[in-house]
N, C-alpha and C. Protein backbone atom coordinates (compact mmCIF):
# COMPACT_ATOMS: atom_id res chain seq x y z
N MET A 1 -10.93 -19.98 -73.75
CA MET A 1 -10.66 -20.96 -72.72
C MET A 1 -10.10 -20.27 -71.48
N ASP A 2 -10.53 -20.72 -70.36
CA ASP A 2 -9.97 -20.16 -69.13
C ASP A 2 -8.86 -21.07 -68.61
N MET A 3 -8.15 -20.60 -67.63
CA MET A 3 -6.97 -21.29 -67.12
C MET A 3 -7.34 -22.62 -66.46
N GLU A 4 -8.46 -22.70 -65.78
CA GLU A 4 -8.87 -23.94 -65.13
C GLU A 4 -9.12 -25.04 -66.16
N ASP A 5 -9.71 -24.68 -67.29
CA ASP A 5 -9.95 -25.65 -68.35
C ASP A 5 -8.64 -26.17 -68.92
N LEU A 6 -7.67 -25.28 -69.09
CA LEU A 6 -6.36 -25.68 -69.60
C LEU A 6 -5.64 -26.58 -68.61
N LYS A 7 -5.75 -26.29 -67.33
CA LYS A 7 -5.12 -27.13 -66.31
C LYS A 7 -5.73 -28.53 -66.31
N LYS A 8 -7.05 -28.60 -66.44
CA LYS A 8 -7.72 -29.89 -66.47
C LYS A 8 -7.27 -30.69 -67.68
N LYS A 9 -7.21 -30.05 -68.84
CA LYS A 9 -6.77 -30.73 -70.06
C LYS A 9 -5.32 -31.18 -69.95
N PHE A 10 -4.47 -30.36 -69.34
CA PHE A 10 -3.08 -30.74 -69.16
C PHE A 10 -2.96 -32.04 -68.38
N TRP A 11 -3.69 -32.16 -67.29
CA TRP A 11 -3.60 -33.36 -66.47
C TRP A 11 -4.16 -34.57 -67.20
N VAL A 12 -5.21 -34.38 -67.98
CA VAL A 12 -5.73 -35.49 -68.78
C VAL A 12 -4.70 -35.94 -69.79
N TYR A 13 -4.07 -34.98 -70.49
CA TYR A 13 -3.02 -35.32 -71.46
C TYR A 13 -1.88 -36.06 -70.79
N LEU A 14 -1.45 -35.58 -69.65
CA LEU A 14 -0.33 -36.19 -68.94
C LEU A 14 -0.66 -37.62 -68.52
N ILE A 15 -1.82 -37.82 -67.95
CA ILE A 15 -2.22 -39.15 -67.49
C ILE A 15 -2.33 -40.12 -68.66
N LEU A 16 -2.82 -39.65 -69.81
CA LEU A 16 -2.95 -40.53 -70.98
C LEU A 16 -1.62 -40.71 -71.72
N THR A 17 -0.69 -39.79 -71.57
CA THR A 17 0.58 -39.89 -72.28
C THR A 17 1.56 -40.83 -71.59
N ILE A 18 1.52 -40.91 -70.28
CA ILE A 18 2.46 -41.76 -69.54
C ILE A 18 2.37 -43.22 -69.97
N PRO A 19 1.17 -43.82 -70.08
CA PRO A 19 1.14 -45.21 -70.56
C PRO A 19 1.67 -45.37 -71.98
N ILE A 20 1.47 -44.38 -72.83
CA ILE A 20 2.00 -44.45 -74.19
C ILE A 20 3.52 -44.49 -74.16
N ILE A 21 4.13 -43.66 -73.33
CA ILE A 21 5.59 -43.63 -73.23
C ILE A 21 6.12 -44.95 -72.67
N ILE A 22 5.44 -45.50 -71.69
CA ILE A 22 5.89 -46.75 -71.08
C ILE A 22 5.72 -47.93 -72.03
N LEU A 23 4.63 -47.96 -72.79
CA LEU A 23 4.35 -49.10 -73.66
C LEU A 23 4.99 -49.01 -75.04
N SER A 24 5.41 -47.82 -75.47
CA SER A 24 5.95 -47.66 -76.81
C SER A 24 7.42 -48.04 -76.88
N PRO A 25 7.79 -48.74 -77.94
CA PRO A 25 9.22 -48.98 -78.15
C PRO A 25 9.87 -47.66 -78.57
N MET A 26 11.00 -47.37 -77.99
CA MET A 26 11.67 -46.09 -78.24
C MET A 26 12.73 -46.22 -79.33
N MET A 27 12.30 -46.53 -80.53
CA MET A 27 13.16 -46.58 -81.72
C MET A 27 14.41 -47.41 -81.48
N GLY A 28 14.24 -48.61 -80.93
CA GLY A 28 15.35 -49.52 -80.75
C GLY A 28 16.12 -49.37 -79.46
N MET A 29 15.83 -48.35 -78.68
CA MET A 29 16.53 -48.17 -77.41
C MET A 29 15.89 -49.06 -76.34
N GLU A 30 16.71 -49.69 -75.56
CA GLU A 30 16.21 -50.48 -74.45
C GLU A 30 16.10 -49.59 -73.22
N MET A 31 14.90 -49.45 -72.71
CA MET A 31 14.68 -48.63 -71.53
C MET A 31 14.33 -49.54 -70.35
N LEU A 32 14.71 -49.14 -69.16
CA LEU A 32 14.49 -49.97 -67.98
C LEU A 32 13.02 -50.14 -67.63
N PHE A 33 12.20 -49.15 -67.96
CA PHE A 33 10.81 -49.17 -67.55
C PHE A 33 9.85 -49.46 -68.68
N GLN A 34 10.35 -49.96 -69.80
CA GLN A 34 9.48 -50.26 -70.93
C GLN A 34 8.76 -51.59 -70.70
N ILE A 35 7.47 -51.62 -70.98
CA ILE A 35 6.65 -52.81 -70.79
C ILE A 35 6.02 -53.16 -72.13
N THR A 36 6.14 -54.41 -72.52
CA THR A 36 5.45 -54.88 -73.72
C THR A 36 4.80 -56.22 -73.41
N PHE A 37 3.67 -56.45 -74.01
CA PHE A 37 2.94 -57.70 -73.87
C PHE A 37 2.05 -57.83 -75.09
N PRO A 38 1.53 -59.01 -75.37
CA PRO A 38 0.66 -59.15 -76.54
C PRO A 38 -0.56 -58.23 -76.41
N GLY A 39 -0.76 -57.42 -77.41
CA GLY A 39 -1.88 -56.48 -77.38
C GLY A 39 -1.51 -55.09 -76.90
N SER A 40 -0.26 -54.88 -76.50
CA SER A 40 0.11 -53.55 -76.00
C SER A 40 0.04 -52.49 -77.10
N TYR A 41 0.26 -52.91 -78.34
CA TYR A 41 0.17 -51.96 -79.45
C TYR A 41 -1.27 -51.46 -79.64
N TRP A 42 -2.24 -52.32 -79.34
CA TRP A 42 -3.64 -51.90 -79.45
C TRP A 42 -3.98 -50.88 -78.37
N ILE A 43 -3.42 -51.06 -77.20
CA ILE A 43 -3.66 -50.09 -76.12
C ILE A 43 -3.07 -48.73 -76.51
N ILE A 44 -1.87 -48.75 -77.09
CA ILE A 44 -1.25 -47.51 -77.55
C ILE A 44 -2.12 -46.85 -78.61
N LEU A 45 -2.64 -47.65 -79.53
CA LEU A 45 -3.51 -47.13 -80.59
C LEU A 45 -4.76 -46.48 -80.01
N VAL A 46 -5.41 -47.13 -79.08
CA VAL A 46 -6.65 -46.60 -78.49
C VAL A 46 -6.37 -45.32 -77.71
N ILE A 47 -5.36 -45.32 -76.86
CA ILE A 47 -5.05 -44.13 -76.06
C ILE A 47 -4.61 -42.98 -76.96
N GLY A 48 -3.81 -43.28 -77.99
CA GLY A 48 -3.39 -42.24 -78.93
C GLY A 48 -4.55 -41.63 -79.68
N THR A 49 -5.52 -42.46 -80.06
CA THR A 49 -6.70 -41.97 -80.76
C THR A 49 -7.53 -41.07 -79.85
N ILE A 50 -7.68 -41.48 -78.60
CA ILE A 50 -8.41 -40.66 -77.63
C ILE A 50 -7.72 -39.30 -77.47
N LEU A 51 -6.40 -39.31 -77.33
CA LEU A 51 -5.66 -38.05 -77.20
C LEU A 51 -5.83 -37.18 -78.43
N TYR A 52 -5.75 -37.78 -79.61
CA TYR A 52 -5.87 -37.03 -80.86
C TYR A 52 -7.21 -36.31 -80.94
N PHE A 53 -8.28 -37.03 -80.69
CA PHE A 53 -9.60 -36.42 -80.82
C PHE A 53 -9.92 -35.49 -79.64
N TYR A 54 -9.43 -35.80 -78.45
CA TYR A 54 -9.67 -34.93 -77.29
C TYR A 54 -8.95 -33.60 -77.48
N ARG A 55 -7.71 -33.65 -77.94
CA ARG A 55 -6.95 -32.41 -78.15
C ARG A 55 -7.41 -31.68 -79.40
N GLY A 56 -7.74 -32.43 -80.44
CA GLY A 56 -8.11 -31.81 -81.70
C GLY A 56 -9.52 -31.26 -81.73
N GLN A 57 -10.27 -31.46 -80.68
CA GLN A 57 -11.65 -31.02 -80.64
C GLN A 57 -11.78 -29.52 -80.92
N SER A 58 -10.92 -28.71 -80.34
CA SER A 58 -11.00 -27.27 -80.57
C SER A 58 -10.65 -26.93 -82.01
N PHE A 59 -9.68 -27.65 -82.60
CA PHE A 59 -9.33 -27.41 -83.99
C PHE A 59 -10.45 -27.84 -84.92
N PHE A 60 -11.08 -28.97 -84.62
CA PHE A 60 -12.17 -29.46 -85.45
C PHE A 60 -13.35 -28.49 -85.42
N ASN A 61 -13.65 -27.97 -84.23
CA ASN A 61 -14.75 -27.01 -84.11
C ASN A 61 -14.44 -25.73 -84.87
N GLY A 62 -13.19 -25.26 -84.80
CA GLY A 62 -12.80 -24.07 -85.53
C GLY A 62 -12.87 -24.28 -87.04
N ALA A 63 -12.45 -25.45 -87.50
CA ALA A 63 -12.51 -25.75 -88.93
C ALA A 63 -13.95 -25.85 -89.40
N LYS A 64 -14.80 -26.44 -88.58
CA LYS A 64 -16.21 -26.57 -88.94
C LYS A 64 -16.85 -25.18 -89.07
N THR A 65 -16.54 -24.30 -88.14
CA THR A 65 -17.07 -22.94 -88.19
C THR A 65 -16.54 -22.21 -89.41
N GLY A 66 -15.24 -22.38 -89.70
CA GLY A 66 -14.65 -21.74 -90.86
C GLY A 66 -15.26 -22.23 -92.16
N LEU A 67 -15.56 -23.51 -92.24
CA LEU A 67 -16.17 -24.03 -93.46
C LEU A 67 -17.61 -23.55 -93.62
N LYS A 68 -18.33 -23.39 -92.53
CA LYS A 68 -19.68 -22.87 -92.60
C LYS A 68 -19.67 -21.43 -93.11
N ILE A 69 -18.72 -20.63 -92.63
CA ILE A 69 -18.62 -19.23 -93.07
C ILE A 69 -18.27 -19.17 -94.55
N GLU A 70 -17.35 -20.04 -94.99
CA GLU A 70 -16.96 -20.06 -96.41
C GLU A 70 -18.14 -20.46 -97.29
N ASN A 71 -18.95 -21.39 -96.84
CA ASN A 71 -20.08 -21.84 -97.65
C ASN A 71 -21.17 -20.80 -97.74
N LEU A 72 -21.29 -19.93 -96.75
CA LEU A 72 -22.32 -18.91 -96.76
C LEU A 72 -21.99 -17.77 -97.72
N GLN A 73 -20.74 -17.57 -98.03
CA GLN A 73 -20.37 -16.44 -98.86
C GLN A 73 -20.44 -16.75 -100.33
């Protein structure tokens, strides 16, 4: 990976993480900028899933390659 790719991914992670922080309940703490509404948990779920698969893509590709090598031997 080159540095430009990492910078792009950083900004994507940051932009997708901010709504999760704002919409998530912080373990019982009342925060001034917390927003909740019906369905906000579904938005957190969708954004979190996108982040998981977007970030895990390199790990998944590495695991797939590793499993192919193991199966060939």
